[in-house]
C-alpha atoms as a PDB file:
ATOM      1  CA  GLU A   1    -179.004 -24.597  -0.800  1.00  0.00           C
ATOM      2  CA  ASP A   2    -177.942 -28.126   0.074  1.00  0.00           C
ATOM      3  CA  GLU A   3    -177.199 -30.438  -2.815  1.00  0.00           C
ATOM      4  CA  ALA A   4    -176.915 -34.190  -3.253  1.00  0.00           C
ATOM      5  CA  LEU A   5    -174.408 -36.206  -5.280  1.00  0.00           C
ATOM      6  CA  LYS A   6    -175.907 -39.108  -7.207  1.00  0.00           C
ATOM      7  CA  ILE A   7    -173.515 -41.720  -8.584  1.00  0.00           C
ATOM      8  CA  CYS A   8    -174.732 -44.536 -10.818  1.00  0.00           C
ATOM      9  CA  TRP A   9    -173.366 -47.026 -13.345  1.00  0.00           C
ATOM     10  CA  PRO A  10    -175.938 -47.396 -16.154  1.00  0.00           C
ATOM     11  CA  HIS A  11    -175.370 -49.533 -19.244  1.00  0.00           C
ATOM     12  CA  ARG A  12    -173.650 -47.586 -21.977  1.00  0.00           C
ATOM     13  CA  ASN A  13    -176.567 -47.992 -24.362  1.00  0.00           C
ATOM     14  CA  ARG A  14    -179.093 -46.555 -21.894  1.00  0.00           C
ATOM     15  CA  LYS A  15    -180.071 -42.901 -22.066  1.00  0.00           C
ATOM     16  CA  LEU A  16    -178.501 -41.062 -19.157  1.00  0.00           C
ATOM     17  CA  GLU A  17    -180.713 -39.524 -16.493  1.00  0.00           C
ATOM     18  CA  GLY A  18    -179.046 -36.160 -16.986  1.00  0.00           C
ATOM     19  CA  ASP A  19    -179.904 -36.258 -20.696  1.00  0.00           C
ATOM     20  CA  THR A  20    -183.497 -37.274 -19.929  1.00  0.00           C
ATOM     21  CA  LEU A  21    -183.929 -34.334 -17.553  1.00  0.00           C
ATOM     22  CA  GLU A  22    -182.398 -31.956 -20.093  1.00  0.00           C
ATOM     23  CA  CYS A  23    -184.851 -33.213 -22.737  1.00  0.00           C
ATOM     24  CA  LEU A  24    -187.775 -32.731 -20.374  1.00  0.00           C
ATOM     25  CA  ARG A  25    -186.777 -29.139 -19.641  1.00  0.00           C
ATOM     26  CA  LYS A  26    -186.610 -28.416 -23.361  1.00  0.00           C
ATOM     27  CA  ARG A  27    -189.905 -30.093 -24.224  1.00  0.00           C
ATOM     28  CA  LEU A  28    -192.099 -29.241 -21.234  1.00  0.00           C
ATOM     29  CA  PRO A  29    -193.838 -25.877 -20.777  1.00  0.00           C
ATOM     30  CA  ALA A  30    -192.050 -23.708 -18.205  1.00  0.00           C
ATOM     31  CA  GLN A  31    -194.815 -24.277 -15.625  1.00  0.00           C
ATOM     32  CA  TRP A  32    -193.569 -27.852 -15.141  1.00  0.00           C
ATOM     33  CA  HIS A  33    -189.881 -27.085 -14.653  1.00  0.00           C
ATOM     34  CA  ASP A  34    -190.521 -26.566 -10.938  1.00  0.00           C
ATOM     35  CA  HIS A  35    -191.692 -30.172 -10.651  1.00  0.00           C
ATOM     36  CA  ILE A  36    -188.673 -32.031 -12.044  1.00  0.00           C
ATOM     37  CA  PRO A  37    -185.223 -32.203 -10.397  1.00  0.00           C
ATOM     38  CA  GLU A  38    -182.844 -29.300 -10.853  1.00  0.00           C
ATOM     39  CA  VAL A  39    -179.423 -30.572 -11.944  1.00  0.00           C
ATOM     40  CA  THR A  40    -176.522 -28.213 -11.277  1.00  0.00           C
ATOM     41  CA  TYR A  41    -173.769 -30.485 -12.630  1.00  0.00           C
ATOM     42  CA  SER A  42    -173.452 -33.758 -14.505  1.00  0.00           C
ATOM     43  CA  ALA A  43    -170.563 -35.791 -15.880  1.00  0.00           C
ATOM     44  CA  THR A  44    -170.013 -39.136 -17.560  1.00  0.00           C
ATOM     45  CA  ALA A  45    -166.952 -41.365 -17.864  1.00  0.00           C
ATOM     46  CA  THR A  46    -166.485 -44.750 -19.512  1.00  0.00           C
ATOM     47  CA  ALA A  47    -164.432 -47.590 -18.109  1.00  0.00           C
ATOM     48  CA  GLU A  48    -161.753 -46.660 -20.647  1.00  0.00           C
ATOM     49  CA  ASP A  49    -161.773 -43.025 -19.487  1.00  0.00           C
ATOM     50  CA  LEU A  50    -161.256 -44.207 -15.933  1.00  0.00           C
ATOM     51  CA  ARG A  51    -158.634 -46.759 -16.965  1.00  0.00           C
ATOM     52  CA  LEU A  52    -160.316 -49.462 -14.964  1.00  0.00           C
ATOM     53  CA  PRO A  53    -158.337 -52.748 -14.850  1.00  0.00           C
ATOM     54  CA  ARG A  54    -161.287 -54.728 -16.168  1.00  0.00           C
ATOM     55  CA  VAL A  55    -161.067 -53.003 -19.549  1.00  0.00           C
ATOM     56  CA  GLU A  56    -157.863 -54.813 -20.460  1.00  0.00           C
ATOM     57  CA  LEU A  57    -159.038 -58.020 -18.803  1.00  0.00           C
ATOM     58  CA  LEU A  58    -162.261 -58.034 -20.836  1.00  0.00           C
ATOM     59  CA  LYS A  59    -160.336 -57.491 -24.048  1.00  0.00           C
ATOM     60  CA  LEU A  60    -158.582 -60.787 -23.361  1.00  0.00           C
ATOM     61  CA  SER A  61    -161.853 -62.619 -22.677  1.00  0.00           C
ATOM     62  CA  ALA A  62    -164.368 -64.154 -25.056  1.00  0.00           C
ATOM     63  CA  ILE A  63    -167.065 -61.573 -24.235  1.00  0.00           C
ATOM     64  CA  LYS A  64    -168.511 -60.032 -27.378  1.00  0.00           C
ATOM     65  CA  ASP A  65    -170.253 -56.706 -27.775  1.00  0.00           C
ATOM     66  CA  PHE A  66    -168.296 -55.267 -24.854  1.00  0.00           C
ATOM     67  CA  GLU A  67    -169.568 -51.710 -25.275  1.00  0.00           C
ATOM     68  CA  ARG A  68    -173.212 -52.791 -25.099  1.00  0.00           C
ATOM     69  CA  LYS A  69    -172.705 -54.881 -21.966  1.00  0.00           C
ATOM     70  CA  ASP A  70    -170.364 -52.488 -20.199  1.00  0.00           C
ATOM     71  CA  ARG A  71    -171.427 -49.703 -17.883  1.00  0.00           C
ATOM     72  CA  GLN A  72    -170.330 -46.114 -17.530  1.00  0.00           C
ATOM     73  CA  LEU A  73    -170.050 -43.766 -14.595  1.00  0.00           C
ATOM     74  CA  HIS A  74    -172.750 -41.097 -14.470  1.00  0.00           C
ATOM     75  CA  ILE A  75    -172.603 -38.332 -11.849  1.00  0.00           C
ATOM     76  CA  LEU A  76    -175.365 -35.854 -11.071  1.00  0.00           C
ATOM     77  CA  VAL A  77    -175.380 -32.994  -8.582  1.00  0.00           C
ATOM     78  CA  MET A  78    -178.950 -32.061  -7.660  1.00  0.00           C
ATOM     79  CA  LYS A  79    -180.882 -30.006  -5.198  1.00  0.00           C
ATOM     80  CA  ILE A  80    -181.926 -31.939  -2.097  1.00  0.00           C
ATOM     81  CA  TYR A  81    -185.664 -32.512  -1.822  1.00  0.00           C
ATOM     82  CA  LYS A  82    -187.834 -33.757   1.019  1.00  0.00           C
ATOM     83  CA  LYS A  83    -189.723 -37.031   1.404  1.00  0.00           C
ATOM     84  CA  LEU A  84    -193.509 -37.341   1.172  1.00  0.00           C
ATOM     85  CA  TRP A  85    -193.970 -38.093   4.871  1.00  0.00           C
ATOM     86  CA  GLU A  86    -192.302 -34.767   5.698  1.00  0.00           C
ATOM     87  CA  ALA A  87    -195.104 -32.797   3.977  1.00  0.00           C
ATOM     88  CA  GLY A  88    -196.304 -31.340   7.291  1.00  0.00           C
ATOM     89  CA  SER A  89    -199.989 -32.165   6.869  1.00  0.00           C
ATOM     90  CA  VAL A  90    -202.187 -34.507   4.893  1.00  0.00           C
ATOM     91  CA  GLU A  91    -203.607 -31.536   2.970  1.00  0.00           C
ATOM     92  CA  GLU A  92    -200.148 -30.485   1.814  1.00  0.00           C
ATOM     93  CA  PHE A  93    -199.343 -34.096   0.939  1.00  0.00           C
ATOM     94  CA  MET A  94    -202.439 -34.180  -1.282  1.00  0.00           C
ATOM     95  CA  GLU A  95    -201.297 -31.116  -3.221  1.00  0.00           C
ATOM     96  CA  ILE A  96    -197.779 -32.539  -3.600  1.00  0.00           C
ATOM     97  CA  TYR A  97    -199.246 -35.819  -4.807  1.00  0.00           C
ATOM     98  CA  LEU A  98    -201.384 -34.004  -7.396  1.00  0.00           C
ATOM     99  CA  ASP A  99    -198.332 -32.063  -8.605  1.00  0.00           C
ATOM    100  CA  CYS A 100    -196.540 -35.348  -9.257  1.00  0.00           C
ATOM    101  CA  VAL A 101    -199.501 -37.011 -10.988  1.00  0.00           C
ATOM    102  CA  GLU A 102    -199.922 -34.054 -13.342  1.00  0.00           C
ATOM    103  CA  CYS A 103    -196.207 -33.560 -13.953  1.00  0.00           C
ATOM    104  CA  HIS A 104    -195.953 -37.258 -14.791  1.00  0.00           C
ATOM    105  CA  HIS A 105    -198.746 -36.916 -17.364  1.00  0.00           C
ATOM    106  CA  ALA A 106    -197.229 -33.775 -18.899  1.00  0.00           C
ATOM    107  CA  SER A 107    -193.870 -35.555 -19.118  1.00  0.00           C
ATOM    108  CA  TYR A 108    -195.565 -38.446 -20.928  1.00  0.00           C
ATOM    109  CA  THR A 109    -197.677 -36.401 -23.357  1.00  0.00           C
ATOM    110  CA  LYS A 110    -195.506 -33.324 -23.914  1.00  0.00           C
ATOM    111  CA  GLY A 111    -192.067 -34.481 -22.799  1.00  0.00           C
ATOM    112  CA  ARG A 112    -192.508 -37.871 -24.527  1.00  0.00           C
ATOM    113  CA  VAL A 113    -190.942 -39.702 -21.572  1.00  0.00           C
ATOM    114  CA  LEU A 114    -192.499 -42.336 -19.291  1.00  0.00           C
ATOM    115  CA  HIS A 115    -191.040 -42.570 -15.784  1.00  0.00           C
ATOM    116  CA  ARG A 116    -191.590 -46.337 -15.185  1.00  0.00           C
ATOM    117  CA  ASP A 117    -190.261 -46.511 -11.592  1.00  0.00           C
ATOM    118  CA  LEU A 118    -192.723 -44.663  -9.377  1.00  0.00           C
ATOM    119  CA  SER A 119    -192.326 -45.222  -5.650  1.00  0.00           C
ATOM    120  CA  GLU A 120    -192.734 -43.351  -2.382  1.00  0.00           C
ATOM    121  CA  ASN A 121    -189.064 -42.347  -2.619  1.00  0.00           C
ATOM    122  CA  ASN A 122    -189.401 -40.862  -6.112  1.00  0.00           C
ATOM    123  CA  LEU A 123    -192.252 -38.515  -5.250  1.00  0.00           C
ATOM    124  CA  MET A 124    -190.691 -35.646  -3.308  1.00  0.00           C
ATOM    125  CA  PHE A 125    -191.219 -31.942  -2.699  1.00  0.00           C
ATOM    126  CA  LYS A 126    -189.525 -28.607  -2.186  1.00  0.00           C
ATOM    127  CA  THR A 127    -190.642 -25.442  -0.438  1.00  0.00           C
ATOM    128  CA  ALA A 128    -190.697 -22.338  -2.656  1.00  0.00           C
ATOM    129  CA  PRO A 129    -189.630 -18.907  -1.344  1.00  0.00           C
ATOM    130  CA  ASP A 130    -193.302 -18.008  -0.849  1.00  0.00           C
ATOM    131  CA  GLY A 131    -193.743 -21.066   1.394  1.00  0.00           C
ATOM    132  CA  LEU A 132    -195.695 -23.113  -1.150  1.00  0.00           C
ATOM    133  CA  LYS A 133    -194.711 -26.780  -1.260  1.00  0.00           C
ATOM    134  CA  LYS A 134    -194.270 -28.157  -4.765  1.00  0.00           C
ATOM    135  CA  GLY A 135    -194.206 -31.807  -5.762  1.00  0.00           C
ATOM    136  CA  ILE A 136    -191.043 -33.076  -7.462  1.00  0.00           C
ATOM    137  CA  LEU A 137    -191.026 -36.198  -9.633  1.00  0.00           C
ATOM    138  CA  ASN A 138    -187.534 -37.562  -9.023  1.00  0.00           C
ATOM    139  CA  ASP A 139    -185.258 -40.400 -10.231  1.00  0.00           C
ATOM    140  CA  TRP A 140    -185.629 -40.630 -14.018  1.00  0.00           C
ATOM    141  CA  ASP A 141    -182.753 -43.064 -14.577  1.00  0.00           C
ATOM    142  CA  LEU A 142    -185.084 -45.917 -15.655  1.00  0.00           C
ATOM    143  CA  ALA A 143    -187.353 -43.755 -17.834  1.00  0.00           C
ATOM    144  CA  SER A 144    -188.061 -44.577 -21.464  1.00  0.00           C
ATOM    145  CA  GLU A 145    -188.770 -42.429 -24.506  1.00  0.00           C
ATOM    146  CA  VAL A 146    -192.278 -42.479 -25.978  1.00  0.00           C
ATOM    147  CA  GLU A 147    -192.440 -43.180 -29.712  1.00  0.00           C
ATOM    148  CA  ASP A 148    -194.583 -41.165 -32.150  1.00  0.00           C
ATOM    149  CA  ASN A 149    -197.169 -43.966 -32.101  1.00  0.00           C
ATOM    150  CA  ASN A 150    -197.237 -43.774 -28.266  1.00  0.00           C
ATOM    151  CA  GLU A 151    -195.372 -47.060 -27.955  1.00  0.00           C
ATOM    152  CA  ILE A 152    -192.670 -47.179 -25.283  1.00  0.00           C
ATOM    153  CA  LYS A 153    -189.139 -47.838 -26.488  1.00  0.00           C
ATOM    154  CA  LEU A 154    -187.949 -51.217 -25.291  1.00  0.00           C
ATOM    155  CA  SER A 155    -185.727 -51.161 -22.237  1.00  0.00           C
ATOM    156  CA  ASN A 156    -182.147 -52.383 -22.385  1.00  0.00           C
ATOM    157  CA  ALA A 157    -182.294 -53.436 -18.742  1.00  0.00           C
ATOM    158  CA  ASN A 158    -181.699 -57.106 -18.002  1.00  0.00           C
ATOM    159  CA  HIS A 159    -183.841 -57.024 -14.879  1.00  0.00           C
ATOM    160  CA  ARG A 160    -187.407 -56.209 -13.925  1.00  0.00           C
ATOM    161  CA  ILE A 161    -187.938 -52.472 -13.514  1.00  0.00           C
ATOM    162  CA  GLY A 162    -189.844 -51.138 -10.534  1.00  0.00           C
ATOM    163  CA  THR A 163    -190.098 -51.023  -6.737  1.00  0.00           C
ATOM    164  CA  LEU A 164    -192.018 -54.049  -5.445  1.00  0.00           C
ATOM    165  CA  PRO A 165    -194.802 -52.524  -3.277  1.00  0.00           C
ATOM    166  CA  PHE A 166    -195.708 -50.089  -6.046  1.00  0.00           C
ATOM    167  CA  MET A 167    -195.346 -52.244  -9.153  1.00  0.00           C
ATOM    168  CA  ALA A 168    -198.397 -52.807 -11.354  1.00  0.00           C
ATOM    169  CA  ARG A 169    -199.806 -56.332 -11.357  1.00  0.00           C
ATOM    170  CA  ASP A 170    -199.161 -56.931 -15.067  1.00  0.00           C
ATOM    171  CA  LEU A 171    -195.424 -56.426 -14.567  1.00  0.00           C
ATOM    172  CA  LEU A 172    -195.076 -58.986 -11.783  1.00  0.00           C
ATOM    173  CA  VAL A 173    -194.482 -61.914 -14.137  1.00  0.00           C
ATOM    174  CA  ASN A 174    -191.408 -63.682 -15.520  1.00  0.00           C
ATOM    175  CA  ASN A 175    -191.688 -62.075 -18.945  1.00  0.00           C
ATOM    176  CA  PRO A 176    -193.410 -58.734 -18.303  1.00  0.00           C
ATOM    177  CA  PRO A 177    -195.224 -56.947 -21.149  1.00  0.00           C
ATOM    178  CA  SER A 178    -194.296 -53.497 -22.419  1.00  0.00           C
ATOM    179  CA  HIS A 179    -194.593 -50.845 -19.728  1.00  0.00           C
ATOM    180  CA  LEU A 180    -197.692 -48.700 -20.305  1.00  0.00           C
ATOM    181  CA  TYR A 181    -198.799 -45.333 -18.960  1.00  0.00           C
ATOM    182  CA  ARG A 182    -201.609 -47.036 -17.005  1.00  0.00           C
ATOM    183  CA  HIS A 183    -199.027 -49.150 -15.167  1.00  0.00           C
ATOM    184  CA  ASP A 184    -197.613 -45.947 -13.695  1.00  0.00           C
ATOM    185  CA  LEU A 185    -201.127 -44.818 -12.715  1.00  0.00           C
ATOM    186  CA  GLU A 186    -201.533 -48.079 -10.833  1.00  0.00           C
ATOM    187  CA  SER A 187    -198.246 -47.337  -9.053  1.00  0.00           C
ATOM    188  CA  PHE A 188    -199.565 -43.899  -8.075  1.00  0.00           C
ATOM    189  CA  PHE A 189    -202.561 -45.622  -6.480  1.00  0.00           C
ATOM    190  CA  TYR A 190    -200.384 -47.956  -4.418  1.00  0.00           C
ATOM    191  CA  ILE A 191    -198.270 -44.989  -3.266  1.00  0.00           C
ATOM    192  CA  LEU A 192    -201.427 -43.241  -2.067  1.00  0.00           C
ATOM    193  CA  ILE A 193    -202.504 -46.288  -0.063  1.00  0.00           C
ATOM    194  CA  TRP A 194    -198.990 -46.768   1.296  1.00  0.00           C
ATOM    195  CA  ALA A 195    -198.986 -43.193   2.570  1.00  0.00           C
ATOM    196  CA  ALA A 196    -202.348 -43.603   4.283  1.00  0.00           C
ATOM    197  CA  LEU A 197    -201.143 -46.727   6.096  1.00  0.00           C
ATOM    198  CA  HIS A 198    -197.583 -45.709   6.978  1.00  0.00           C
ATOM    199  CA  TYR A 199    -197.230 -41.922   7.332  1.00  0.00           C
ATOM    200  CA  ASP A 200    -197.467 -39.660  10.383  1.00  0.00           C
ATOM    201  CA  PHE A 201    -197.535 -36.198   8.835  1.00  0.00           C
ATOM    202  CA  ALA A 202    -197.664 -34.400  12.194  1.00  0.00           C
ATOM    203  CA  ALA A 203    -194.398 -36.058  13.271  1.00  0.00           C
ATOM    204  CA  GLY A 204    -192.859 -36.116   9.802  1.00  0.00           C
ATOM    205  CA  THR A 205    -192.157 -39.854  10.068  1.00  0.00           C
ATOM    206  CA  LYS A 206    -193.304 -43.183   8.667  1.00  0.00           C
ATOM    207  CA  ILE A 207    -193.611 -46.579  10.295  1.00  0.00           C
ATOM    208  CA  SER A 208    -191.865 -49.705   9.052  1.00  0.00           C
ATOM    209  CA  SER A 209    -193.654 -51.725   6.373  1.00  0.00           C
ATOM    210  CA  ASP A 210    -193.340 -54.765   8.671  1.00  0.00           C
ATOM    211  CA  GLN A 211    -195.792 -53.102  11.043  1.00  0.00           C
ATOM    212  CA  VAL A 212    -198.570 -53.040   8.411  1.00  0.00           C
ATOM    213  CA  SER A 213    -199.772 -56.587   7.763  1.00  0.00           C
ATOM    214  CA  ILE A 214    -202.376 -55.678   5.136  1.00  0.00           C
ATOM    215  CA  THR A 215    -199.815 -54.603   2.529  1.00  0.00           C
ATOM    216  CA  ARG A 216    -196.916 -56.812   3.639  1.00  0.00           C
ATOM    217  CA  THR A 217    -197.375 -59.135   0.660  1.00  0.00           C
ATOM    218  CA  TRP A 218    -197.000 -56.164  -1.716  1.00  0.00           C
ATOM    219  CA  ASN A 219    -193.325 -56.226  -0.766  1.00  0.00           C
ATOM    220  CA  ASP A 220    -192.994 -59.966  -1.421  1.00  0.00           C
ATOM    221  CA  ASP A 221    -190.249 -60.798  -3.913  1.00  0.00           C
ATOM    222  CA  VAL A 222    -192.133 -63.934  -4.901  1.00  0.00           C
ATOM    223  CA  PHE A 223    -193.945 -62.237  -7.745  1.00  0.00           C
ATOM    224  CA  ARG A 224    -196.831 -64.711  -7.879  1.00  0.00           C
ATOM    225  CA  ARG A 225    -197.812 -63.897  -4.279  1.00  0.00           C
ATOM    226  CA  ASN A 226    -197.280 -60.164  -4.750  1.00  0.00           C
ATOM    227  CA  ARG A 227    -199.383 -60.079  -7.897  1.00  0.00           C
ATOM    228  CA  SER A 228    -202.123 -62.223  -6.377  1.00  0.00           C
ATOM    229  CA  ALA A 229    -202.403 -59.973  -3.305  1.00  0.00           C
ATOM    230  CA  LYS A 230    -202.890 -56.886  -5.463  1.00  0.00           C
ATOM    231  CA  TYR A 231    -205.425 -58.608  -7.715  1.00  0.00           C
ATOM    232  CA  GLU A 232    -207.436 -59.725  -4.695  1.00  0.00           C
ATOM    233  CA  PHE A 233    -207.359 -56.227  -3.228  1.00  0.00           C
ATOM    234  CA  LEU A 234    -208.711 -54.699  -6.446  1.00  0.00           C
ATOM    235  CA  LYS A 235    -211.414 -57.354  -6.872  1.00  0.00           C
ATOM    236  CA  GLU A 236    -212.801 -57.791  -3.360  1.00  0.00           C
ATOM    237  CA  ARG A 237    -214.591 -55.084  -1.359  1.00  0.00           C
ATOM    238  CA  LYS A 238    -213.759 -56.757   1.947  1.00  0.00           C
ATOM    239  CA  ARG A 239    -210.044 -56.197   1.297  1.00  0.00           C
ATOM    240  CA  LEU A 240    -210.673 -52.526   0.590  1.00  0.00           C
ATOM    241  CA  ASP A 241    -212.606 -52.313   3.856  1.00  0.00           C
ATOM    242  CA  LYS A 242    -209.608 -53.706   5.732  1.00  0.00           C
ATOM    243  CA  VAL A 243    -207.347 -51.066   4.161  1.00  0.00           C
ATOM    244  CA  ILE A 244    -209.771 -48.270   5.065  1.00  0.00           C
ATOM    245  CA  ALA A 245    -209.972 -49.544   8.654  1.00  0.00           C
ATOM    246  CA  ALA A 246    -206.170 -49.430   8.909  1.00  0.00           C
ATOM    247  CA  VAL A 247    -205.743 -45.828   7.685  1.00  0.00           C
ATOM    248  CA  ARG A 248    -203.632 -43.955  10.222  1.00  0.00           C
ATOM    249  CA  LYS A 249    -204.922 -41.106  12.333  1.00  0.00           C
ATOM    250  CA  GLY A 250    -204.527 -37.849  10.451  1.00  0.00           C
ATOM    251  CA  CYS A 251    -204.714 -39.554   7.037  1.00  0.00           C
ATOM    252  CA  GLU A 252    -208.519 -39.850   6.927  1.00  0.00           C
ATOM    253  CA  PRO A 253    -208.864 -37.188   4.163  1.00  0.00           C
ATOM    254  CA  LEU A 254    -207.192 -39.705   1.822  1.00  0.00           C
ATOM    255  CA  ILE A 255    -210.008 -42.238   2.227  1.00  0.00           C
ATOM    256  CA  PRO A 256    -212.360 -40.732  -0.422  1.00  0.00           C
ATOM    257  CA  TRP A 257    -209.491 -40.744  -2.934  1.00  0.00           C
ATOM    258  CA  ILE A 258    -208.630 -44.363  -2.145  1.00  0.00           C
ATOM    259  CA  ILE A 259    -212.238 -45.518  -2.508  1.00  0.00           C
ATOM    260  CA  SER A 260    -212.791 -43.608  -5.759  1.00  0.00           C
ATOM    261  CA  ILE A 261    -209.653 -44.936  -7.441  1.00  0.00           C
ATOM    262  CA  TRP A 262    -210.301 -48.451  -6.150  1.00  0.00           C
ATOM    263  CA  ARG A 263    -213.703 -48.301  -7.863  1.00  0.00           C
ATOM    264  CA  LEU A 264    -211.990 -47.577 -11.193  1.00  0.00           C
ATOM    265  CA  PHE A 265    -209.982 -50.791 -10.951  1.00  0.00           C
ATOM    266  CA  PHE A 266    -212.883 -52.767  -9.463  1.00  0.00           C
ATOM    267  CA  ILE A 267    -215.190 -51.814 -12.362  1.00  0.00           C
ATOM    268  CA  THR A 268    -212.417 -52.731 -14.780  1.00  0.00           C
ATOM    269  CA  GLU A 269    -212.049 -56.163 -13.195  1.00  0.00           C
ATOM    270  CA  ARG A 270    -215.824 -56.705 -13.351  1.00  0.00           C
ATOM    271  CA  THR A 271    -215.846 -55.691 -17.009  1.00  0.00           C
ATOM    272  CA  LEU A 272    -213.004 -58.068 -17.832  1.00  0.00           C
ATOM    273  CA  ALA A 273    -214.747 -60.899 -15.997  1.00  0.00           C
ATOM    274  CA  ASN A 274    -217.821 -60.392 -18.199  1.00  0.00           C
ATOM    275  CA  MET A 275    -215.703 -60.542 -21.338  1.00  0.00           C
ATOM    276  CA  GLU A 276    -214.557 -64.134 -20.974  1.00  0.00           C
ATOM    277  CA  PRO A 277    -214.808 -65.984 -24.316  1.00  0.00           C
ATOM    278  CA  ILE A 278    -217.993 -68.028 -24.747  1.00  0.00           C
ATOM    279  CA  ASP A 279    -217.684 -71.583 -26.121  1.00  0.00           C
ATOM    280  CA  GLY A 280    -214.064 -70.944 -27.042  1.00  0.00           C
ATOM    281  CA  TYR A 281    -214.801 -67.900 -29.239  1.00  0.00           C
ATOM    282  CA  ASP A 282    -213.774 -64.315 -28.532  1.00  0.00           C
ATOM    283  CA  ASN A 283    -216.740 -61.972 -28.551  1.00  0.00           C
ATOM    284  CA  GLU A 284    -216.754 -58.645 -30.405  1.00  0.00           C
ATOM    285  CA  VAL A 285    -216.351 -56.612 -27.222  1.00  0.00           C
ATOM    286  CA  ALA A 286    -213.147 -58.454 -26.357  1.00  0.00           C
ATOM    287  CA  ILE A 287    -211.758 -57.824 -29.824  1.00  0.00           C
ATOM    288  CA  GLU A 288    -212.348 -54.069 -29.456  1.00  0.00           C
ATOM    289  CA  TRP A 289    -210.887 -53.909 -25.945  1.00  0.00           C
ATOM    290  CA  ASP A 290    -208.176 -51.247 -25.560  1.00  0.00           C
ATOM    291  CA  ASN A 291    -205.525 -52.856 -23.391  1.00  0.00           C
ATOM    292  CA  SER A 292    -203.490 -49.654 -23.053  1.00  0.00           C
ATOM    293  CA  THR A 293    -206.301 -48.047 -21.005  1.00  0.00           C
ATOM    294  CA  LEU A 294    -208.150 -51.199 -19.882  1.00  0.00           C
ATOM    295  CA  GLY A 295    -211.132 -50.324 -22.025  1.00  0.00           C
ATOM    296  CA  GLY A 296    -210.874 -46.604 -21.268  1.00  0.00           C
ATOM    297  CA  HIS A 297    -211.275 -47.144 -17.523  1.00  0.00           C
ATOM    298  CA  ILE A 298    -207.702 -46.310 -16.444  1.00  0.00           C
ATOM    299  CA  THR A 299    -206.610 -43.006 -17.943  1.00  0.00           C
ATOM    300  CA  PHE A 300    -205.263 -39.698 -16.681  1.00  0.00           C
ATOM    301  CA  GLU A 301    -208.742 -38.197 -17.066  1.00  0.00           C
ATOM    302  CA  THR A 302    -210.529 -40.925 -15.094  1.00  0.00           C
ATOM    303  CA  PHE A 303    -207.800 -40.880 -12.440  1.00  0.00           C
ATOM    304  CA  MET A 304    -208.103 -37.113 -11.950  1.00  0.00           C
ATOM    305  CA  LYS A 305    -211.895 -37.356 -11.904  1.00  0.00           C
ATOM    306  CA  ALA A 306    -211.627 -39.975  -9.158  1.00  0.00           C
ATOM    307  CA  LEU A 307    -209.509 -37.500  -7.193  1.00  0.00           C
ATOM    308  CA  GLY A 308    -212.206 -34.866  -7.715  1.00  0.00           C
ATOM    309  CA  ARG A 309    -209.813 -32.457  -9.418  1.00  0.00           C
ATOM    310  CA  LYS A 310    -209.690 -30.870 -12.853  1.00  0.00           C
ATOM    311  CA  PRO A 311    -206.281 -31.084 -14.554  1.00  0.00           C
ATOM    312  CA  ARG A 312    -204.255 -27.900 -14.172  1.00  0.00           C
ATOM    313  CA  GLU A 313    -201.682 -28.722 -16.828  1.00  0.00           C
ATOM    314  CA  ASP A 314    -203.088 -26.310 -19.411  1.00  0.00           C
ATOM    315  CA  LEU A 315    -203.213 -23.367 -16.999  1.00  0.00           C
ATOM    316  CA  GLU A 316    -200.436 -20.783 -17.230  1.00  0.00           C
ATOM    317  CA  PRO A 317    -199.161 -20.134 -14.655  1.00  0.00           C
ATOM    318  CA  LEU A 318    -199.912 -23.355 -12.772  1.00  0.00           C
ATOM    319  CA  ILE A 319    -202.564 -22.571 -10.158  1.00  0.00           C
ATOM    320  CA  ARG A 320    -203.716 -24.906  -7.418  1.00  0.00           C
ATOM    321  CA  THR A 321    -207.334 -25.266  -6.387  1.00  0.00           C
ATOM    322  CA  SER A 322    -206.383 -24.138  -2.874  1.00  0.00           C
ATOM    323  CA  GLU A 323    -204.782 -20.967  -4.263  1.00  0.00           C
ATOM    324  CA  ILE A 324    -207.893 -20.140  -6.313  1.00  0.00           C
ATOM    325  CA  SER A 325    -210.095 -20.319  -3.209  1.00  0.00           C
ATOM    326  CA  ILE A 326    -207.742 -18.019  -1.341  1.00  0.00           C
ATOM    327  CA  ARG A 327    -207.563 -15.437  -4.116  1.00  0.00           C
ATOM    328  CA  THR A 328    -211.346 -15.193  -4.503  1.00  0.00           C
ATOM    329  CA  HIS A 329    -211.875 -14.166  -0.897  1.00  0.00           C
END
């Protein structure tokens, strides 16, 4: 099989992607191993190991805490996987998408790792020997460990983490809050919409984001405009209607999913609007509000229910709904 070489220079105090993937394989039930990247080789080297000229130069400078600020070379050799728009059909895309949503949740709850950088390029797939296409959740280099209290370990990154069109609204600010599981669910929703507006599954291609005006602002690096566009989309039905009208031919089966998930966020926004403090005092409902799930509205369970699917993560072996229908005939 073809393989890819991934070369990166993470900070020395960040957990390496190879180590994260190794942890996931140890912690996750075997049924999920098919849905995370297969690493055939990995290696790491520090600047000192490589005898880079800057090592001696930095020793002569006034920079303190050199090891924390310095980066190291990390090499991974992985299997090559295919992009979402190459799924072959919208039905196969839907199954691949579900694989990734459920693998992501299993990685969070059982693997104790949160991905934090979901994008159309990090959801991929492979074709098994029996012809079944399986979703692969790729690129774990920005992932964070989940603490025993379900808090996410603080990132050591000095920059905002995420891919603009798919970043959750809360994170599009100068000082973003801690990354939560629901932020990744919001990213999954934007990926779904992006696919419906950009992908041609029959041709195995996608159109340029510049050709889709409705979501152009989602790629805006002025975070205020990006955030505002997403808020407006999730609060106004007319903006949803425009998205639905722009769904590409062949992607129509994604419309019920888009509408159902949009309703989750819309109801959440309506609930929040009704919780505004009265006369300067917080009401009891606001005090009891669970920010990590937006009052219980945005969870794995509600997300899967909106997709009309029951979670398969506790089934052994992992069986798809489409496979069950085939086997019963």
